[in-house]
C-alpha atoms as a PDB file:
ATOM      1  CA  MET A   1       0.087   0.106  -0.058  1.00  0.00           C
ATOM      2  CA  LYS A   2       2.896   2.075   0.731  1.00  0.00           C
ATOM      3  CA  ARG A   3       4.362   1.771  -2.642  1.00  0.00           C
ATOM      4  CA  VAL A   4       0.795   2.640  -4.071  1.00  0.00           C
ATOM      5  CA  ILE A   5       0.637   5.739  -2.346  1.00  0.00           C
ATOM      6  CA  ALA A   6       4.123   6.968  -3.490  1.00  0.00           C
ATOM      7  CA  LEU A   7       3.482   6.005  -6.796  1.00  0.00           C
ATOM      8  CA  ILE A   8       0.116   8.104  -7.001  1.00  0.00           C
ATOM      9  CA  ALA A   9       1.859  11.116  -5.247  1.00  0.00           C
ATOM     10  CA  PHE A  10       4.864  11.118  -7.990  1.00  0.00           C
ATOM     11  CA  LEU A  11       2.381  10.483 -10.913  1.00  0.00           C
ATOM     12  CA  ALA A  12      -0.002  13.352  -9.716  1.00  0.00           C
ATOM     13  CA  ALA A  13       3.394  15.610  -9.146  1.00  0.00           C
ATOM     14  CA  PHE A  14       4.166  14.843 -12.460  1.00  0.00           C
ATOM     15  CA  ILE A  15       0.990  15.053 -14.334  1.00  0.00           C
ATOM     16  CA  LEU A  16       0.423  18.778 -12.736  1.00  0.00           C
ATOM     17  CA  ALA A  17       4.035  19.603 -14.132  1.00  0.00           C
ATOM     18  CA  LEU A  18       3.058  18.752 -17.222  1.00  0.00           C
ATOM     19  CA  SER A  19      -0.311  20.525 -17.680  1.00  0.00           C
ATOM     20  CA  VAL A  20       0.987  23.740 -16.378  1.00  0.00           C
ATOM     21  CA  LYS A  21       2.952  25.824 -18.652  1.00  0.00           C
ATOM     22  CA  ALA A  22       5.006  28.755 -17.530  1.00  0.00           C
ATOM     23  CA  LEU A  23       4.409  29.562 -13.854  1.00  0.00           C
ATOM     24  CA  ALA A  24       5.527  31.458 -10.175  1.00  0.00           C
ATOM     25  CA  VAL A  25       7.391  28.085  -9.622  1.00  0.00           C
ATOM     26  CA  CYS A  26       9.231  25.246 -11.940  1.00  0.00           C
ATOM     27  CA  PRO A  27       7.237  22.307 -12.398  1.00  0.00           C
ATOM     28  CA  LEU A  28      10.533  20.378 -11.765  1.00  0.00           C
ATOM     29  CA  CYS A  29      10.114  21.814  -8.140  1.00  0.00           C
ATOM     30  CA  ALA A  30       6.895  20.533  -7.938  1.00  0.00           C
ATOM     31  CA  ILE A  31       7.917  16.747  -9.141  1.00  0.00           C
ATOM     32  CA  ALA A  32      10.757  16.712  -6.242  1.00  0.00           C
ATOM     33  CA  VAL A  33       8.494  18.217  -3.879  1.00  0.00           C
ATOM     34  CA  GLY A  34       5.960  15.406  -4.840  1.00  0.00           C
ATOM     35  CA  ALA A  35       8.366  12.688  -4.973  1.00  0.00           C
ATOM     36  CA  GLY A  36       9.712  13.344  -1.460  1.00  0.00           C
ATOM     37  CA  VAL A  37       6.494  13.293   0.410  1.00  0.00           C
ATOM     38  CA  GLY A  38       5.859   9.936  -1.230  1.00  0.00           C
ATOM     39  CA  VAL A  39       9.160   8.423  -0.954  1.00  0.00           C
ATOM     40  CA  SER A  40       9.647   9.454   2.521  1.00  0.00           C
ATOM     41  CA  ARG A  41       6.316   8.003   3.811  1.00  0.00           C
ATOM     42  CA  TRP A  42       7.227   4.633   1.875  1.00  0.00           C
ATOM     43  CA  LEU A  43      10.426   4.592   3.591  1.00  0.00           C
ATOM     44  CA  GLY A  44       8.995   5.201   7.316  1.00  0.00           C
ATOM     45  CA  ILE A  45      10.886   8.674   7.784  1.00  0.00           C
ATOM     46  CA  ASP A  46       9.831  10.491  10.692  1.00  0.00           C
ATOM     47  CA  ASP A  47       6.732  12.646  10.138  1.00  0.00           C
ATOM     48  CA  SER A  48       8.661  16.050  10.683  1.00  0.00           C
ATOM     49  CA  ILE A  49      10.439  15.086   7.641  1.00  0.00           C
ATOM     50  CA  THR A  50       7.506  14.504   5.616  1.00  0.00           C
ATOM     51  CA  GLY A  51       5.725  17.489   6.530  1.00  0.00           C
ATOM     52  CA  LEU A  52       8.693  19.563   5.244  1.00  0.00           C
ATOM     53  CA  TRP A  53       7.890  18.059   1.584  1.00  0.00           C
ATOM     54  CA  VAL A  54       4.094  18.651   2.024  1.00  0.00           C
ATOM     55  CA  GLY A  55       4.680  22.125   3.238  1.00  0.00           C
ATOM     56  CA  GLY A  56       6.790  22.650   0.336  1.00  0.00           C
ATOM     57  CA  LEU A  57       4.479  21.307  -2.259  1.00  0.00           C
ATOM     58  CA  ILE A  58       1.666  23.209  -0.360  1.00  0.00           C
ATOM     59  CA  VAL A  59       3.429  26.341  -1.310  1.00  0.00           C
ATOM     60  CA  ALA A  60       4.254  25.341  -4.892  1.00  0.00           C
ATOM     61  CA  LEU A  61       0.647  24.993  -5.685  1.00  0.00           C
ATOM     62  CA  ILE A  62      -0.841  27.998  -4.033  1.00  0.00           C
ATOM     63  CA  MET A  63       1.888  30.008  -6.180  1.00  0.00           C
ATOM     64  CA  TRP A  64       1.062  27.960  -9.629  1.00  0.00           C
ATOM     65  CA  THR A  65      -2.609  28.927  -8.874  1.00  0.00           C
ATOM     66  CA  GLY A  66      -2.221  32.411  -8.008  1.00  0.00           C
ATOM     67  CA  GLU A  67       0.131  32.872 -11.601  1.00  0.00           C
ATOM     68  CA  TRP A  68      -2.546  31.108 -13.186  1.00  0.00           C
ATOM     69  CA  LEU A  69      -5.371  33.091 -11.842  1.00  0.00           C
ATOM     70  CA  ALA A  70      -3.689  36.376 -12.585  1.00  0.00           C
ATOM     71  CA  LYS A  71      -3.152  35.493 -16.165  1.00  0.00           C
ATOM     72  CA  LYS A  72      -6.810  34.394 -16.698  1.00  0.00           C
ATOM     73  CA  HIS A  73      -7.264  37.935 -14.787  1.00  0.00           C
ATOM     74  CA  ILE A  74      -9.612  36.230 -12.258  1.00  0.00           C
ATOM     75  CA  ASP A  75      -9.302  38.741  -9.610  1.00  0.00           C
ATOM     76  CA  TYR A  76     -11.226  39.529  -6.767  1.00  0.00           C
ATOM     77  CA  PHE A  77     -11.391  40.274  -3.209  1.00  0.00           C
ATOM     78  CA  GLY A  78      -9.444  38.283  -1.006  1.00  0.00           C
ATOM     79  CA  ARG A  79      -7.874  35.637  -3.874  1.00  0.00           C
ATOM     80  CA  THR A  80      -4.885  35.216  -2.683  1.00  0.00           C
ATOM     81  CA  LEU A  81      -6.104  34.541   1.180  1.00  0.00           C
ATOM     82  CA  SER A  82      -8.448  32.205  -0.101  1.00  0.00           C
ATOM     83  CA  VAL A  83      -6.420  30.198  -2.289  1.00  0.00           C
ATOM     84  CA  ILE A  84      -3.753  29.814   0.731  1.00  0.00           C
ATOM     85  CA  ILE A  85      -6.542  28.736   2.934  1.00  0.00           C
ATOM     86  CA  GLY A  86      -8.112  26.221   0.633  1.00  0.00           C
ATOM     87  CA  TYR A  87      -4.931  24.430  -0.406  1.00  0.00           C
ATOM     88  CA  TYR A  88      -4.276  24.254   3.451  1.00  0.00           C
ATOM     89  CA  LEU A  89      -7.614  22.875   4.248  1.00  0.00           C
ATOM     90  CA  ILE A  90      -7.731  20.307   1.419  1.00  0.00           C
ATOM     91  CA  SER A  91      -4.666  19.132   2.419  1.00  0.00           C
ATOM     92  CA  ILE A  92      -4.577  19.306   6.158  1.00  0.00           C
ATOM     93  CA  ILE A  93      -8.112  17.792   6.692  1.00  0.00           C
ATOM     94  CA  PRO A  94      -7.775  14.442   4.687  1.00  0.00           C
ATOM     95  CA  LEU A  95      -4.564  14.020   6.684  1.00  0.00           C
ATOM     96  CA  TYR A  96      -6.414  14.945   9.959  1.00  0.00           C
ATOM     97  CA  PHE A  97      -9.299  12.227   9.304  1.00  0.00           C
ATOM     98  CA  MET A  98      -6.775   9.480   8.015  1.00  0.00           C
ATOM     99  CA  GLY A  99      -5.228   9.989  11.656  1.00  0.00           C
ATOM    100  CA  VAL A 100      -1.487  10.676   9.856  1.00  0.00           C
ATOM    101  CA  MET A 101      -2.231  14.121  11.509  1.00  0.00           C
ATOM    102  CA  GLY A 102      -3.284  15.574  15.098  1.00  0.00           C
ATOM    103  CA  ARG A 103      -1.757  13.417  17.136  1.00  0.00           C
ATOM    104  CA  PRO A 104       0.005  15.726  19.948  1.00  0.00           C
ATOM    105  CA  LEU A 105       1.112  13.215  21.858  1.00  0.00           C
ATOM    106  CA  THR A 106       3.725  12.643  19.019  1.00  0.00           C
ATOM    107  CA  GLY A 107       5.365  15.850  18.366  1.00  0.00           C
ATOM    108  CA  ILE A 108       6.651  18.659  20.937  1.00  0.00           C
ATOM    109  CA  SER A 109       4.791  20.948  23.322  1.00  0.00           C
ATOM    110  CA  LEU A 110       5.145  24.510  22.672  1.00  0.00           C
ATOM    111  CA  PHE A 111       3.361  26.846  25.165  1.00  0.00           C
ATOM    112  CA  GLY A 112       1.667  24.273  26.673  1.00  0.00           C
ATOM    113  CA  ILE A 113      -0.237  23.224  23.362  1.00  0.00           C
ATOM    114  CA  GLY A 114       0.777  19.997  22.095  1.00  0.00           C
ATOM    115  CA  ILE A 115       1.708  19.943  18.338  1.00  0.00           C
ATOM    116  CA  ASP A 116       2.422  17.062  16.061  1.00  0.00           C
ATOM    117  CA  LYS A 117       5.385  16.560  14.169  1.00  0.00           C
ATOM    118  CA  LEU A 118       3.713  16.675  10.595  1.00  0.00           C
ATOM    119  CA  THR A 119       2.319  20.298  11.686  1.00  0.00           C
ATOM    120  CA  ILE A 120       5.599  21.227  12.841  1.00  0.00           C
ATOM    121  CA  GLY A 121       7.261  20.111   9.526  1.00  0.00           C
ATOM    122  CA  ILE A 122       4.289  21.609   7.098  1.00  0.00           C
ATOM    123  CA  ILE A 123       4.809  25.074   8.981  1.00  0.00           C
ATOM    124  CA  VAL A 124       8.835  25.023   8.328  1.00  0.00           C
ATOM    125  CA  GLY A 125       8.662  23.414   5.185  1.00  0.00           C
ATOM    126  CA  SER A 126       5.891  25.995   3.737  1.00  0.00           C
ATOM    127  CA  LEU A 127       8.284  28.782   5.147  1.00  0.00           C
ATOM    128  CA  GLY A 128      11.480  27.240   3.638  1.00  0.00           C
ATOM    129  CA  PHE A 129      10.033  26.594   0.139  1.00  0.00           C
ATOM    130  CA  TRP A 130       8.371  30.025   0.175  1.00  0.00           C
ATOM    131  CA  PHE A 131      11.492  31.970   1.198  1.00  0.00           C
ATOM    132  CA  GLY A 132      13.917  30.042  -1.586  1.00  0.00           C
ATOM    133  CA  ALA A 133      11.320  30.888  -3.978  1.00  0.00           C
ATOM    134  CA  VAL A 134      11.074  34.674  -3.057  1.00  0.00           C
ATOM    135  CA  TRP A 135      14.863  34.877  -2.985  1.00  0.00           C
ATOM    136  CA  TYR A 136      15.049  33.515  -6.090  1.00  0.00           C
ATOM    137  CA  ASP A 137      12.997  36.427  -8.043  1.00  0.00           C
ATOM    138  CA  ASP A 138      14.475  38.973  -5.583  1.00  0.00           C
ATOM    139  CA  ILE A 139      18.037  37.520  -6.984  1.00  0.00           C
ATOM    140  CA  LYS A 140      16.859  37.609 -10.512  1.00  0.00           C
ATOM    141  CA  LEU A 141      15.365  41.002 -10.191  1.00  0.00           C
ATOM    142  CA  ARG A 142      18.708  42.548  -9.254  1.00  0.00           C
ATOM    143  CA  HIS A 143      20.199  40.378 -12.052  1.00  0.00           C
ATOM    144  CA  ASN A 144      18.524  42.225 -15.058  1.00  0.00           C
ATOM    145  CA  ASN A 145      15.693  39.414 -14.833  1.00  0.00           C
ATOM    146  CA  HIS A 146      18.118  36.580 -15.502  1.00  0.00           C
ATOM    147  CA  ALA A 147      19.178  33.778 -13.410  1.00  0.00           C
ATOM    148  CA  TYR A 148      23.018  33.640 -12.417  1.00  0.00           C
ATOM    149  CA  PHE A 149      23.482  29.705 -13.082  1.00  0.00           C
ATOM    150  CA  PRO A 150      21.136  27.143 -14.975  1.00  0.00           C
ATOM    151  CA  PHE A 151      18.344  25.757 -12.985  1.00  0.00           C
ATOM    152  CA  GLN A 152      18.361  28.312 -10.583  1.00  0.00           C
ATOM    153  CA  LYS A 153      14.858  28.639  -9.898  1.00  0.00           C
ATOM    154  CA  VAL A 154      14.892  24.914  -9.231  1.00  0.00           C
ATOM    155  CA  VAL A 155      17.897  25.315  -6.977  1.00  0.00           C
ATOM    156  CA  MET A 156      16.512  28.283  -4.799  1.00  0.00           C
ATOM    157  CA  PRO A 157      13.239  26.505  -3.349  1.00  0.00           C
ATOM    158  CA  ILE A 158      14.444  23.284  -2.937  1.00  0.00           C
ATOM    159  CA  SER A 159      17.964  23.979  -1.180  1.00  0.00           C
ATOM    160  CA  PRO A 160      16.216  25.160   1.882  1.00  0.00           C
ATOM    161  CA  LEU A 161      13.425  21.999   1.953  1.00  0.00           C
ATOM    162  CA  LEU A 162      17.027  19.781   1.800  1.00  0.00           C
ATOM    163  CA  LEU A 163      18.992  21.454   4.214  1.00  0.00           C
ATOM    164  CA  MET A 164      15.990  21.427   6.467  1.00  0.00           C
ATOM    165  CA  THR A 165      15.573  17.679   5.907  1.00  0.00           C
ATOM    166  CA  ALA A 166      19.172  17.153   6.942  1.00  0.00           C
ATOM    167  CA  LEU A 167      18.668  19.062  10.266  1.00  0.00           C
ATOM    168  CA  PHE A 168      15.594  17.465  11.110  1.00  0.00           C
ATOM    169  CA  TYR A 169      16.955  14.373  10.496  1.00  0.00           C
ATOM    170  CA  PHE A 170      19.931  14.564  12.968  1.00  0.00           C
ATOM    171  CA  LEU A 171      17.133  16.299  15.563  1.00  0.00           C
ATOM    172  CA  THR A 172      14.984  13.512  15.358  1.00  0.00           C
ATOM    173  CA  LYS A 173      17.554  10.788  14.987  1.00  0.00           C
END
């Protein structure tokens, strides 16, 4: 069953990447994130690490959707906020009802509130992927709208996830 879930996650990310043209975050990033989620769950990797990649995937989808809506001239009050809330809800609610998320005894206590590892990973991964993508845009803007090196658009959003994966691995080992 774990192999089937990993395969479905990878194929969904791959199909999504192929069906979208030029967007805010490259399709290869989403494939890497989707594959990371599927493989980490299949291998039994700690939920905090899996959460990093889930968070990165959610942010990639939010950015893609925002670009797509802007390209189609679909604009309404609260568009960005509704896309953000929508993607987090459609990602977190199924995980909660499947019993994968919402287990505070498996995480840490923060200010007296139990937070499970998957939630912590999603928060940190979301922030890391977003930071990498925004940093890339900033660097590209300063360099006359050109990347400094090939595949920089791939490397910069994925790098924070890779670094945090290594950090979380050693923290949860």
